Amino acid sequence: NIKMAGVLKHHRVIQRIIAPNTCLKSRLVQYRLLSGSSTDLVVTDKVGKIFLIGINRPEKRNCVNSQTAAQLVQAFRTFENDDSLRVAVLHGKGGNFCAGFDLSQLSEGGVSPENFPDPNDGLGPMGPSKMVFNKPVIAAVSGYAVAGGLELSLMCDMRIVEETAIMGVFCRRFGVPLIDGGTVRLPALIGLSRAMDMILTGRGVSANEALQMGLANRVVPIGTAVGEAVKIAQTISNFPQECMLRDRKSAYHATYDAPSHTDAMCYELDNAKHVINLESVQGAGRFVTGAGKGGKFNIDKPTSKL
């Protein structure tokens, strides 16, 4: 456990559960996260090289107020600044990912647009929503991921979505705009036509429809999103890191920043060519000695099969 600035020290127990009656290769690894102090609006934990960040306002379906937003920012800065951590998993406690910004605070005049953080600092009303992360972040989505909660999920590289989850722009009903990256990231992820369907109608999207449109990366049984996200995060954390991070950076540049196809292609080469000597030559040597052949991802156990 870590101690965040301005947040009481918390404790959490992580139990590793392997589903019975399944072969070793297909066993589902789950992590049950039991939070300590209920006064922590955001709780964090380390699982090896994985950093778990949990929004902890279950009585409010994990909607985010200003205090929660500040704690989310601190949690993500902790992740970014800790070189021992390779992947973060963002989730919500108590069965919901996040129901957006706390409309109670908004209705009481507790939010002033003049006091919104500068987007150039990577911050938004939901907290870290405009940060550009240097390492992968995975959203483990359960229950509702709507309005600003949807925007927090879009902030992540991947979305692991439970089969009963609902994603949508529910704030459409109340005249609350998407100002935490939703109008930027959603069209980039699923295309303008589908994004407009969600943005204009505000309708809820099921997990299966989210998968079909590319909003969800995986759909998993109820109660297993965090466990599956951690499992994927562990796989990512075991790859040669510089190569993975450089490819990730090139993909984001091509999607959001490149002014032309030519620029994207040049950036891709310039961004990653140093990896050849740093990691690729050694990796190729492992392959020719038998590691990873046959499409095996457990390259610590060489095989002679092609």
C-alpha atoms as a PDB file:
ATOM      1  CA  ASN A   1       0.000   0.000   0.000  1.00  0.00           C
ATOM      2  CA  ILE A   2       1.090   3.568  -0.599  1.00  0.00           C
ATOM      3  CA  LYS A   3       0.272   6.767   1.219  1.00  0.00           C
ATOM      4  CA  MET A   4      -1.155   9.489  -1.011  1.00  0.00           C
ATOM      5  CA  ALA A   5      -0.857  13.173  -0.120  1.00  0.00           C
ATOM      6  CA  GLY A   6      -3.932  14.350   1.681  1.00  0.00           C
ATOM      7  CA  VAL A   7      -5.439  10.865   1.822  1.00  0.00           C
ATOM      8  CA  LEU A   8      -5.597   8.583   4.847  1.00  0.00           C
ATOM      9  CA  LYS A   9      -3.483   5.496   4.663  1.00  0.00           C
ATOM     10  CA  HIS A  10      -5.570   2.538   3.526  1.00  0.00           C
ATOM     11  CA  HIS A  11      -5.210  -1.195   3.501  1.00  0.00           C
ATOM     12  CA  ARG A  12      -6.554  -3.701   1.057  1.00  0.00           C
ATOM     13  CA  VAL A  13      -6.408  -7.459   0.754  1.00  0.00           C
ATOM     14  CA  ILE A  14      -5.925  -8.989  -2.665  1.00  0.00           C
ATOM     15  CA  GLN A  15      -6.974 -12.593  -3.095  1.00  0.00           C
ATOM     16  CA  ARG A  16      -5.913 -14.466  -6.191  1.00  0.00           C
ATOM     17  CA  ILE A  17      -8.647 -16.816  -7.318  1.00  0.00           C
ATOM     18  CA  ILE A  18      -8.355 -19.416 -10.031  1.00  0.00           C
ATOM     19  CA  ALA A  19     -11.617 -20.678 -11.474  1.00  0.00           C
ATOM     20  CA  PRO A  20     -11.987 -24.404 -10.776  1.00  0.00           C
ATOM     21  CA  ASN A  21     -12.661 -27.157 -13.292  1.00  0.00           C
ATOM     22  CA  THR A  22     -10.731 -25.540 -16.098  1.00  0.00           C
ATOM     23  CA  CYS A  23      -7.437 -26.458 -17.720  1.00  0.00           C
ATOM     24  CA  LEU A  24      -4.385 -24.502 -16.608  1.00  0.00           C
ATOM     25  CA  LYS A  25      -4.108 -22.667 -19.917  1.00  0.00           C
ATOM     26  CA  SER A  26      -7.635 -21.268 -19.733  1.00  0.00           C
ATOM     27  CA  ARG A  27      -7.925 -20.562 -16.007  1.00  0.00           C
ATOM     28  CA  LEU A  28      -9.320 -17.181 -15.207  1.00  0.00           C
ATOM     29  CA  VAL A  29      -7.308 -15.170 -12.743  1.00  0.00           C
ATOM     30  CA  GLN A  30      -9.376 -12.795 -10.682  1.00  0.00           C
ATOM     31  CA  TYR A  31      -8.434 -10.342  -7.999  1.00  0.00           C
ATOM     32  CA  ARG A  32     -10.866  -9.488  -5.234  1.00  0.00           C
ATOM     33  CA  LEU A  33     -10.087  -6.052  -3.940  1.00  0.00           C
ATOM     34  CA  LEU A  34     -11.278  -5.284  -0.439  1.00  0.00           C
ATOM     35  CA  SER A  35     -10.882  -1.627   0.388  1.00  0.00           C
ATOM     36  CA  GLY A  36      -9.825  -0.406   3.752  1.00  0.00           C
ATOM     37  CA  SER A  37     -10.966   3.029   4.852  1.00  0.00           C
ATOM     38  CA  SER A  38     -14.237   4.143   3.241  1.00  0.00           C
ATOM     39  CA  THR A  39     -13.052   7.739   3.588  1.00  0.00           C
ATOM     40  CA  ASP A  40     -10.567   7.254   0.754  1.00  0.00           C
ATOM     41  CA  LEU A  41     -12.208   8.573  -2.414  1.00  0.00           C
ATOM     42  CA  VAL A  42      -9.519   6.869  -4.485  1.00  0.00           C
ATOM     43  CA  VAL A  43      -7.710   3.732  -3.366  1.00  0.00           C
ATOM     44  CA  THR A  44      -4.565   2.322  -4.920  1.00  0.00           C
ATOM     45  CA  ASP A  45      -2.535  -0.854  -4.732  1.00  0.00           C
ATOM     46  CA  LYS A  46       0.428  -2.508  -6.373  1.00  0.00           C
ATOM     47  CA  VAL A  47       0.301  -6.020  -7.820  1.00  0.00           C
ATOM     48  CA  GLY A  48       3.880  -6.562  -8.915  1.00  0.00           C
ATOM     49  CA  LYS A  49       4.448  -4.083 -11.726  1.00  0.00           C
ATOM     50  CA  ILE A  50       0.739  -3.286 -11.990  1.00  0.00           C
ATOM     51  CA  PHE A  51      -0.836  -0.264 -10.290  1.00  0.00           C
ATOM     52  CA  LEU A  52      -4.528  -0.472  -9.437  1.00  0.00           C
ATOM     53  CA  ILE A  53      -6.492   2.772  -9.097  1.00  0.00           C
ATOM     54  CA  GLY A  54     -10.022   2.448  -7.715  1.00  0.00           C
ATOM     55  CA  ILE A  55     -12.680   5.151  -7.508  1.00  0.00           C
ATOM     56  CA  ASN A  56     -14.209   4.593  -4.079  1.00  0.00           C
ATOM     57  CA  ARG A  57     -17.604   6.308  -3.882  1.00  0.00           C
ATOM     58  CA  PRO A  58     -19.874   3.275  -4.329  1.00  0.00           C
ATOM     59  CA  GLU A  59     -22.812   4.982  -2.615  1.00  0.00           C
ATOM     60  CA  LYS A  60     -22.739   7.548  -5.454  1.00  0.00           C
ATOM     61  CA  ARG A  61     -22.019   5.033  -8.218  1.00  0.00           C
ATOM     62  CA  ASN A  62     -18.483   6.402  -8.141  1.00  0.00           C
ATOM     63  CA  CYS A  63     -19.392   9.800  -9.541  1.00  0.00           C
ATOM     64  CA  VAL A  64     -16.475  12.204  -9.252  1.00  0.00           C
ATOM     65  CA  ASN A  65     -16.508  15.415  -7.228  1.00  0.00           C
ATOM     66  CA  SER A  66     -13.639  17.888  -7.002  1.00  0.00           C
ATOM     67  CA  GLN A  67     -11.961  16.019  -4.155  1.00  0.00           C
ATOM     68  CA  THR A  68     -12.146  12.710  -6.016  1.00  0.00           C
ATOM     69  CA  ALA A  69     -10.779  14.362  -9.150  1.00  0.00           C
ATOM     70  CA  ALA A  70      -7.784  15.681  -7.205  1.00  0.00           C
ATOM     71  CA  GLN A  71      -7.087  12.250  -5.719  1.00  0.00           C
ATOM     72  CA  LEU A  72      -7.310  10.633  -9.163  1.00  0.00           C
ATOM     73  CA  VAL A  73      -4.733  13.096 -10.456  1.00  0.00           C
ATOM     74  CA  GLN A  74      -2.419  12.286  -7.556  1.00  0.00           C
ATOM     75  CA  ALA A  75      -2.840   8.543  -8.140  1.00  0.00           C
ATOM     76  CA  PHE A  76      -1.979   8.800 -11.821  1.00  0.00           C
ATOM     77  CA  ARG A  77       0.997  11.037 -11.119  1.00  0.00           C
ATOM     78  CA  THR A  78       2.225   8.418  -8.672  1.00  0.00           C
ATOM     79  CA  PHE A  79       1.917   5.802 -11.425  1.00  0.00           C
ATOM     80  CA  GLU A  80       3.679   7.949 -14.001  1.00  0.00           C
ATOM     81  CA  ASN A  81       6.575   8.813 -11.695  1.00  0.00           C
ATOM     82  CA  ASP A  82       7.248   5.288 -10.407  1.00  0.00           C
ATOM     83  CA  ASP A  83       9.590   3.460 -12.785  1.00  0.00           C
ATOM     84  CA  SER A  84       8.811   0.127 -11.124  1.00  0.00           C
ATOM     85  CA  LEU A  85       5.194   0.344 -12.345  1.00  0.00           C
ATOM     86  CA  ARG A  86       4.498  -0.565 -15.952  1.00  0.00           C
ATOM     87  CA  VAL A  87       0.711  -0.675 -16.404  1.00  0.00           C
ATOM     88  CA  ALA A  88      -2.193   0.903 -14.500  1.00  0.00           C
ATOM     89  CA  VAL A  89      -5.704  -0.519 -14.126  1.00  0.00           C
ATOM     90  CA  LEU A  90      -8.492   1.981 -13.448  1.00  0.00           C
ATOM     91  CA  HIS A  91     -11.700   0.591 -11.922  1.00  0.00           C
ATOM     92  CA  GLY A  92     -14.639   1.505  -9.733  1.00  0.00           C
ATOM     93  CA  LYS A  93     -15.497   0.034  -6.364  1.00  0.00           C
ATOM     94  CA  GLY A  94     -18.851  -1.547  -5.532  1.00  0.00           C
ATOM     95  CA  GLY A  95     -20.079  -2.650  -8.952  1.00  0.00           C
ATOM     96  CA  ASN A  96     -19.917   0.547 -11.029  1.00  0.00           C
ATOM     97  CA  PHE A  97     -17.038   2.069 -12.938  1.00  0.00           C
ATOM     98  CA  CYS A  98     -18.081   5.732 -12.765  1.00  0.00           C
ATOM     99  CA  ALA A  99     -21.386   7.583 -13.238  1.00  0.00           C
ATOM    100  CA  GLY A 100     -19.749  10.855 -14.269  1.00  0.00           C
ATOM    101  CA  PHE A 101     -19.297  14.136 -12.452  1.00  0.00           C
ATOM    102  CA  ASP A 102     -21.183  14.648  -9.189  1.00  0.00           C
ATOM    103  CA  LEU A 103     -24.254  16.635 -10.234  1.00  0.00           C
ATOM    104  CA  SER A 104     -24.980  17.431  -6.595  1.00  0.00           C
ATOM    105  CA  GLN A 105     -21.868  19.564  -6.455  1.00  0.00           C
ATOM    106  CA  LEU A 106     -22.702  21.116  -9.814  1.00  0.00           C
ATOM    107  CA  SER A 107     -26.312  21.910  -8.848  1.00  0.00           C
ATOM    108  CA  GLU A 108     -25.184  23.643  -5.653  1.00  0.00           C
ATOM    109  CA  GLY A 109     -22.901  26.002  -7.544  1.00  0.00           C
ATOM    110  CA  GLY A 110     -19.784  24.195  -6.403  1.00  0.00           C
ATOM    111  CA  VAL A 111     -18.240  24.266  -9.868  1.00  0.00           C
ATOM    112  CA  SER A 112     -17.136  27.417 -11.666  1.00  0.00           C
ATOM    113  CA  PRO A 113     -16.033  27.216 -15.319  1.00  0.00           C
ATOM    114  CA  GLU A 114     -13.611  30.044 -14.652  1.00  0.00           C
ATOM    115  CA  ASN A 115     -11.784  27.765 -12.231  1.00  0.00           C
ATOM    116  CA  PHE A 116     -11.474  24.785 -14.561  1.00  0.00           C
ATOM    117  CA  PRO A 117      -7.888  23.541 -14.840  1.00  0.00           C
ATOM    118  CA  ASP A 118      -5.844  24.344 -17.920  1.00  0.00           C
ATOM    119  CA  PRO A 119      -6.127  21.480 -20.457  1.00  0.00           C
ATOM    120  CA  ASN A 120      -2.468  22.067 -21.300  1.00  0.00           C
ATOM    121  CA  ASP A 121      -1.694  20.745 -17.834  1.00  0.00           C
ATOM    122  CA  GLY A 122      -3.500  17.495 -18.693  1.00  0.00           C
ATOM    123  CA  LEU A 123      -6.315  18.127 -16.241  1.00  0.00           C
ATOM    124  CA  GLY A 124     -10.084  18.392 -16.563  1.00  0.00           C
ATOM    125  CA  PRO A 125     -13.132  18.532 -14.274  1.00  0.00           C
ATOM    126  CA  MET A 126     -12.945  14.729 -13.891  1.00  0.00           C
ATOM    127  CA  GLY A 127      -9.292  14.990 -12.850  1.00  0.00           C
ATOM    128  CA  PRO A 128      -6.689  13.286 -15.046  1.00  0.00           C
ATOM    129  CA  SER A 129      -8.937  13.164 -18.133  1.00  0.00           C
ATOM    130  CA  LYS A 130      -6.601  15.179 -20.367  1.00  0.00           C
ATOM    131  CA  MET A 131      -3.321  13.715 -19.193  1.00  0.00           C
ATOM    132  CA  VAL A 132      -1.097  12.042 -21.776  1.00  0.00           C
ATOM    133  CA  PHE A 133       0.284   8.934 -20.136  1.00  0.00           C
ATOM    134  CA  ASN A 134       3.682   7.525 -20.972  1.00  0.00           C
ATOM    135  CA  LYS A 135       2.649   4.009 -19.941  1.00  0.00           C
ATOM    136  CA  PRO A 136      -0.421   1.871 -20.704  1.00  0.00           C
ATOM    137  CA  VAL A 137      -3.635   2.288 -18.728  1.00  0.00           C
ATOM    138  CA  ILE A 138      -6.470  -0.251 -18.832  1.00  0.00           C
ATOM    139  CA  ALA A 139     -10.053   0.464 -17.759  1.00  0.00           C
ATOM    140  CA  ALA A 140     -11.882  -2.369 -15.981  1.00  0.00           C
ATOM    141  CA  VAL A 141     -15.506  -1.419 -16.575  1.00  0.00           C
ATOM    142  CA  SER A 142     -18.403  -2.726 -14.511  1.00  0.00           C
ATOM    143  CA  GLY A 143     -21.924  -1.379 -14.108  1.00  0.00           C
ATOM    144  CA  TYR A 144     -22.272   2.177 -15.359  1.00  0.00           C
ATOM    145  CA  ALA A 145     -19.536   4.008 -17.267  1.00  0.00           C
ATOM    146  CA  VAL A 146     -21.512   7.044 -18.333  1.00  0.00           C
ATOM    147  CA  ALA A 147     -21.049  10.772 -18.946  1.00  0.00           C
ATOM    148  CA  GLY A 148     -17.696  11.740 -17.400  1.00  0.00           C
ATOM    149  CA  GLY A 149     -17.222   8.098 -16.444  1.00  0.00           C
ATOM    150  CA  LEU A 150     -17.333   7.179 -20.121  1.00  0.00           C
ATOM    151  CA  GLU A 151     -14.746   9.883 -20.738  1.00  0.00           C
ATOM    152  CA  LEU A 152     -12.449   8.400 -18.083  1.00  0.00           C
ATOM    153  CA  SER A 153     -12.687   5.018 -19.816  1.00  0.00           C
ATOM    154  CA  LEU A 154     -11.849   6.642 -23.164  1.00  0.00           C
ATOM    155  CA  MET A 155      -8.731   8.089 -21.532  1.00  0.00           C
ATOM    156  CA  CYS A 156      -7.401   4.539 -21.180  1.00  0.00           C
ATOM    157  CA  ASP A 157      -5.635   2.432 -23.822  1.00  0.00           C
ATOM    158  CA  MET A 158      -8.029  -0.499 -23.440  1.00  0.00           C
ATOM    159  CA  ARG A 159     -11.465  -1.140 -21.959  1.00  0.00           C
ATOM    160  CA  ILE A 160     -12.256  -4.526 -20.412  1.00  0.00           C
ATOM    161  CA  VAL A 161     -16.033  -4.482 -20.020  1.00  0.00           C
ATOM    162  CA  GLU A 162     -18.276  -6.750 -17.971  1.00  0.00           C
ATOM    163  CA  GLU A 163     -21.233  -8.258 -19.815  1.00  0.00           C
ATOM    164  CA  THR A 164     -23.806  -6.273 -17.817  1.00  0.00           C
ATOM    165  CA  ALA A 165     -22.060  -2.906 -18.134  1.00  0.00           C
ATOM    166  CA  ILE A 166     -23.690   0.139 -19.723  1.00  0.00           C
ATOM    167  CA  MET A 167     -21.737   2.906 -21.444  1.00  0.00           C
ATOM    168  CA  GLY A 168     -23.268   6.142 -22.635  1.00  0.00           C
ATOM    169  CA  VAL A 169     -23.499   9.924 -22.715  1.00  0.00           C
ATOM    170  CA  PHE A 170     -26.195  10.108 -20.043  1.00  0.00           C
ATOM    171  CA  CYS A 171     -25.323  13.749 -19.332  1.00  0.00           C
ATOM    172  CA  ARG A 172     -27.102  14.613 -22.590  1.00  0.00           C
ATOM    173  CA  ARG A 173     -30.385  14.622 -20.645  1.00  0.00           C
ATOM    174  CA  PHE A 174     -29.309  17.414 -18.332  1.00  0.00           C
ATOM    175  CA  GLY A 175     -27.352  19.760 -20.575  1.00  0.00           C
ATOM    176  CA  VAL A 176     -23.937  18.813 -19.219  1.00  0.00           C
ATOM    177  CA  PRO A 177     -21.318  18.869 -22.024  1.00  0.00           C
ATOM    178  CA  LEU A 178     -18.513  16.445 -22.689  1.00  0.00           C
ATOM    179  CA  ILE A 179     -15.485  18.483 -21.647  1.00  0.00           C
ATOM    180  CA  ASP A 180     -13.164  15.698 -20.469  1.00  0.00           C
ATOM    181  CA  GLY A 181     -12.053  14.500 -23.873  1.00  0.00           C
ATOM    182  CA  GLY A 182     -15.214  12.684 -24.943  1.00  0.00           C
ATOM    183  CA  THR A 183     -15.788  14.561 -28.202  1.00  0.00           C
ATOM    184  CA  VAL A 184     -12.124  14.096 -29.125  1.00  0.00           C
ATOM    185  CA  ARG A 185     -11.463  10.487 -28.183  1.00  0.00           C
ATOM    186  CA  LEU A 186     -14.803   8.838 -28.968  1.00  0.00           C
ATOM    187  CA  PRO A 187     -14.787   9.648 -32.727  1.00  0.00           C
ATOM    188  CA  ALA A 188     -11.129   8.625 -32.902  1.00  0.00           C
ATOM    189  CA  LEU A 189     -11.912   5.254 -31.335  1.00  0.00           C
ATOM    190  CA  ILE A 190     -15.180   4.241 -33.017  1.00  0.00           C
ATOM    191  CA  GLY A 191     -15.595   6.630 -35.951  1.00  0.00           C
ATOM    192  CA  LEU A 192     -17.623   9.818 -36.319  1.00  0.00           C
ATOM    193  CA  SER A 193     -20.915   8.159 -37.303  1.00  0.00           C
ATOM    194  CA  ARG A 194     -21.119   5.861 -34.295  1.00  0.00           C
ATOM    195  CA  ALA A 195     -19.768   8.567 -31.995  1.00  0.00           C
ATOM    196  CA  MET A 196     -22.524  10.916 -33.152  1.00  0.00           C
ATOM    197  CA  ASP A 197     -25.148   8.278 -32.377  1.00  0.00           C
ATOM    198  CA  MET A 198     -23.909   8.138 -28.788  1.00  0.00           C
ATOM    199  CA  ILE A 199     -23.221  11.862 -28.394  1.00  0.00           C
ATOM    200  CA  LEU A 200     -26.476  13.156 -29.882  1.00  0.00           C
ATOM    201  CA  THR A 201     -28.900  10.612 -28.402  1.00  0.00           C
ATOM    202  CA  GLY A 202     -27.115   9.972 -25.096  1.00  0.00           C
ATOM    203  CA  ARG A 203     -28.423   6.393 -25.215  1.00  0.00           C
ATOM    204  CA  GLY A 204     -26.915   3.577 -23.237  1.00  0.00           C
ATOM    205  CA  VAL A 205     -24.760   1.073 -25.084  1.00  0.00           C
ATOM    206  CA  SER A 206     -24.564  -2.539 -23.902  1.00  0.00           C
ATOM    207  CA  ALA A 207     -21.287  -4.398 -23.517  1.00  0.00           C
ATOM    208  CA  ASN A 208     -21.878  -6.475 -26.644  1.00  0.00           C
ATOM    209  CA  GLU A 209     -22.702  -3.436 -28.767  1.00  0.00           C
ATOM    210  CA  ALA A 210     -19.666  -1.660 -27.336  1.00  0.00           C
ATOM    211  CA  LEU A 211     -17.552  -4.614 -28.447  1.00  0.00           C
ATOM    212  CA  GLN A 212     -19.040  -4.564 -31.941  1.00  0.00           C
ATOM    213  CA  MET A 213     -18.326  -0.872 -32.407  1.00  0.00           C
ATOM    214  CA  GLY A 214     -14.798  -1.077 -30.984  1.00  0.00           C
ATOM    215  CA  LEU A 215     -15.547   0.810 -27.789  1.00  0.00           C
ATOM    216  CA  ALA A 216     -14.902  -2.304 -25.678  1.00  0.00           C
ATOM    217  CA  ASN A 217     -11.811  -4.425 -26.280  1.00  0.00           C
ATOM    218  CA  ARG A 218     -13.027  -7.485 -24.373  1.00  0.00           C
ATOM    219  CA  VAL A 219     -16.333  -8.498 -22.795  1.00  0.00           C
ATOM    220  CA  VAL A 220     -15.988 -10.622 -19.676  1.00  0.00           C
ATOM    221  CA  PRO A 221     -18.359 -12.205 -17.128  1.00  0.00           C
ATOM    222  CA  ILE A 222     -19.752 -10.057 -14.346  1.00  0.00           C
ATOM    223  CA  GLY A 223     -17.315  -9.589 -11.472  1.00  0.00           C
ATOM    224  CA  THR A 224     -14.187 -10.400 -13.500  1.00  0.00           C
ATOM    225  CA  ALA A 225     -13.204  -7.150 -15.252  1.00  0.00           C
ATOM    226  CA  VAL A 226     -10.499  -6.201 -12.765  1.00  0.00           C
ATOM    227  CA  GLY A 227      -9.026  -9.692 -12.761  1.00  0.00           C
ATOM    228  CA  GLU A 228      -8.951  -9.875 -16.547  1.00  0.00           C
ATOM    229  CA  ALA A 229      -7.490  -6.365 -16.790  1.00  0.00           C
ATOM    230  CA  VAL A 230      -4.730  -7.304 -14.339  1.00  0.00           C
ATOM    231  CA  LYS A 231      -4.043 -10.460 -16.325  1.00  0.00           C
ATOM    232  CA  ILE A 232      -3.673  -8.460 -19.554  1.00  0.00           C
ATOM    233  CA  ALA A 233      -1.575  -5.849 -17.754  1.00  0.00           C
ATOM    234  CA  GLN A 234       0.796  -8.539 -16.524  1.00  0.00           C
ATOM    235  CA  THR A 235       1.227  -9.831 -20.076  1.00  0.00           C
ATOM    236  CA  ILE A 236       1.997  -6.325 -21.326  1.00  0.00           C
ATOM    237  CA  SER A 237       4.430  -5.697 -18.461  1.00  0.00           C
ATOM    238  CA  ASN A 238       6.465  -8.772 -19.445  1.00  0.00           C
ATOM    239  CA  PHE A 239       7.187  -7.631 -22.992  1.00  0.00           C
ATOM    240  CA  PRO A 240      10.369  -5.714 -23.902  1.00  0.00           C
ATOM    241  CA  GLN A 241       9.243  -2.315 -22.659  1.00  0.00           C
ATOM    242  CA  GLU A 242      11.009   0.214 -24.869  1.00  0.00           C
ATOM    243  CA  CYS A 243       9.719  -1.412 -28.052  1.00  0.00           C
ATOM    244  CA  MET A 244       6.149  -1.606 -26.737  1.00  0.00           C
ATOM    245  CA  LEU A 245       6.162   1.965 -25.463  1.00  0.00           C
ATOM    246  CA  ARG A 246       7.572   3.344 -28.700  1.00  0.00           C
ATOM    247  CA  ASP A 247       4.963   1.545 -30.826  1.00  0.00           C
ATOM    248  CA  ARG A 248       2.252   2.848 -28.494  1.00  0.00           C
ATOM    249  CA  LYS A 249       3.584   6.394 -28.826  1.00  0.00           C
ATOM    250  CA  SER A 250       3.671   6.162 -32.626  1.00  0.00           C
ATOM    251  CA  ALA A 251       0.074   4.954 -32.760  1.00  0.00           C
ATOM    252  CA  TYR A 252      -1.110   7.891 -30.650  1.00  0.00           C
ATOM    253  CA  HIS A 253       0.870  10.340 -32.771  1.00  0.00           C
ATOM    254  CA  ALA A 254      -0.642   8.972 -35.986  1.00  0.00           C
ATOM    255  CA  THR A 255      -4.161   9.143 -34.522  1.00  0.00           C
ATOM    256  CA  TYR A 256      -4.125  12.562 -32.871  1.00  0.00           C
ATOM    257  CA  ASP A 257      -1.090  14.640 -33.803  1.00  0.00           C
ATOM    258  CA  ALA A 258       0.227  13.747 -37.253  1.00  0.00           C
ATOM    259  CA  PRO A 259      -0.619  16.419 -39.860  1.00  0.00           C
ATOM    260  CA  SER A 260      -0.216  13.965 -42.734  1.00  0.00           C
ATOM    261  CA  HIS A 261       0.279  10.319 -43.635  1.00  0.00           C
ATOM    262  CA  THR A 262       3.878  11.098 -44.567  1.00  0.00           C
ATOM    263  CA  ASP A 263       4.548  12.721 -41.220  1.00  0.00           C
ATOM    264  CA  ALA A 264       3.110   9.697 -39.398  1.00  0.00           C
ATOM    265  CA  MET A 265       5.304   7.323 -41.361  1.00  0.00           C
ATOM    266  CA  CYS A 266       8.444   9.369 -40.728  1.00  0.00           C
ATOM    267  CA  TYR A 267       7.644   9.718 -37.038  1.00  0.00           C
ATOM    268  CA  GLU A 268       7.123   5.960 -36.715  1.00  0.00           C
ATOM    269  CA  LEU A 269      10.644   5.285 -37.995  1.00  0.00           C
ATOM    270  CA  ASP A 270      12.397   8.075 -36.121  1.00  0.00           C
ATOM    271  CA  ASN A 271      10.578   7.232 -32.887  1.00  0.00           C
ATOM    272  CA  ALA A 272      11.510   3.562 -32.810  1.00  0.00           C
ATOM    273  CA  LYS A 273      14.631   2.867 -34.869  1.00  0.00           C
ATOM    274  CA  HIS A 274      16.898   2.975 -31.814  1.00  0.00           C
ATOM    275  CA  VAL A 275      14.999  -0.047 -30.451  1.00  0.00           C
ATOM    276  CA  ILE A 276      16.655  -2.293 -33.058  1.00  0.00           C
ATOM    277  CA  ASN A 277      19.985  -2.267 -31.247  1.00  0.00           C
ATOM    278  CA  LEU A 278      18.451  -1.849 -27.813  1.00  0.00           C
ATOM    279  CA  GLU A 279      16.015  -4.785 -27.816  1.00  0.00           C
ATOM    280  CA  SER A 280      15.381  -6.258 -31.273  1.00  0.00           C
ATOM    281  CA  VAL A 281      18.765  -7.867 -31.918  1.00  0.00           C
ATOM    282  CA  GLN A 282      18.651  -9.631 -28.568  1.00  0.00           C
ATOM    283  CA  GLY A 283      15.049 -10.684 -29.169  1.00  0.00           C
ATOM    284  CA  ALA A 284      15.882 -12.078 -32.587  1.00  0.00           C
ATOM    285  CA  GLY A 285      18.684 -14.070 -30.998  1.00  0.00           C
ATOM    286  CA  ARG A 286      16.248 -15.621 -28.557  1.00  0.00           C
ATOM    287  CA  PHE A 287      13.949 -16.579 -31.412  1.00  0.00           C
ATOM    288  CA  VAL A 288      16.602 -18.367 -33.441  1.00  0.00           C
ATOM    289  CA  THR A 289      17.512 -20.418 -30.362  1.00  0.00           C
ATOM    290  CA  GLY A 290      13.925 -21.665 -30.112  1.00  0.00           C
ATOM    291  CA  ALA A 291      12.061 -19.168 -27.946  1.00  0.00           C
ATOM    292  CA  GLY A 292       8.569 -18.181 -29.008  1.00  0.00           C
ATOM    293  CA  LYS A 293       8.260 -20.450 -32.005  1.00  0.00           C
ATOM    294  CA  GLY A 294       4.846 -21.776 -32.901  1.00  0.00           C
ATOM    295  CA  GLY A 295       3.354 -18.458 -31.803  1.00  0.00           C
ATOM    296  CA  LYS A 296       4.125 -19.145 -28.152  1.00  0.00           C
ATOM    297  CA  PHE A 297       4.047 -16.106 -25.889  1.00  0.00           C
ATOM    298  CA  ASN A 298       5.764 -17.844 -22.990  1.00  0.00           C
ATOM    299  CA  ILE A 299       9.172 -17.311 -24.523  1.00  0.00           C
ATOM    300  CA  ASP A 300      10.975 -18.353 -21.348  1.00  0.00           C
ATOM    301  CA  LYS A 301      10.345 -21.949 -22.415  1.00  0.00           C
ATOM    302  CA  PRO A 302      12.019 -22.499 -25.822  1.00  0.00           C
ATOM    303  CA  THR A 303      10.523 -24.991 -28.250  1.00  0.00           C
ATOM    304  CA  SER A 304      11.924 -26.609 -31.374  1.00  0.00           C
ATOM    305  CA  LYS A 305       8.582 -26.364 -33.209  1.00  0.00           C
ATOM    306  CA  LEU A 306       8.296 -23.943 -36.129  1.00  0.00           C
END
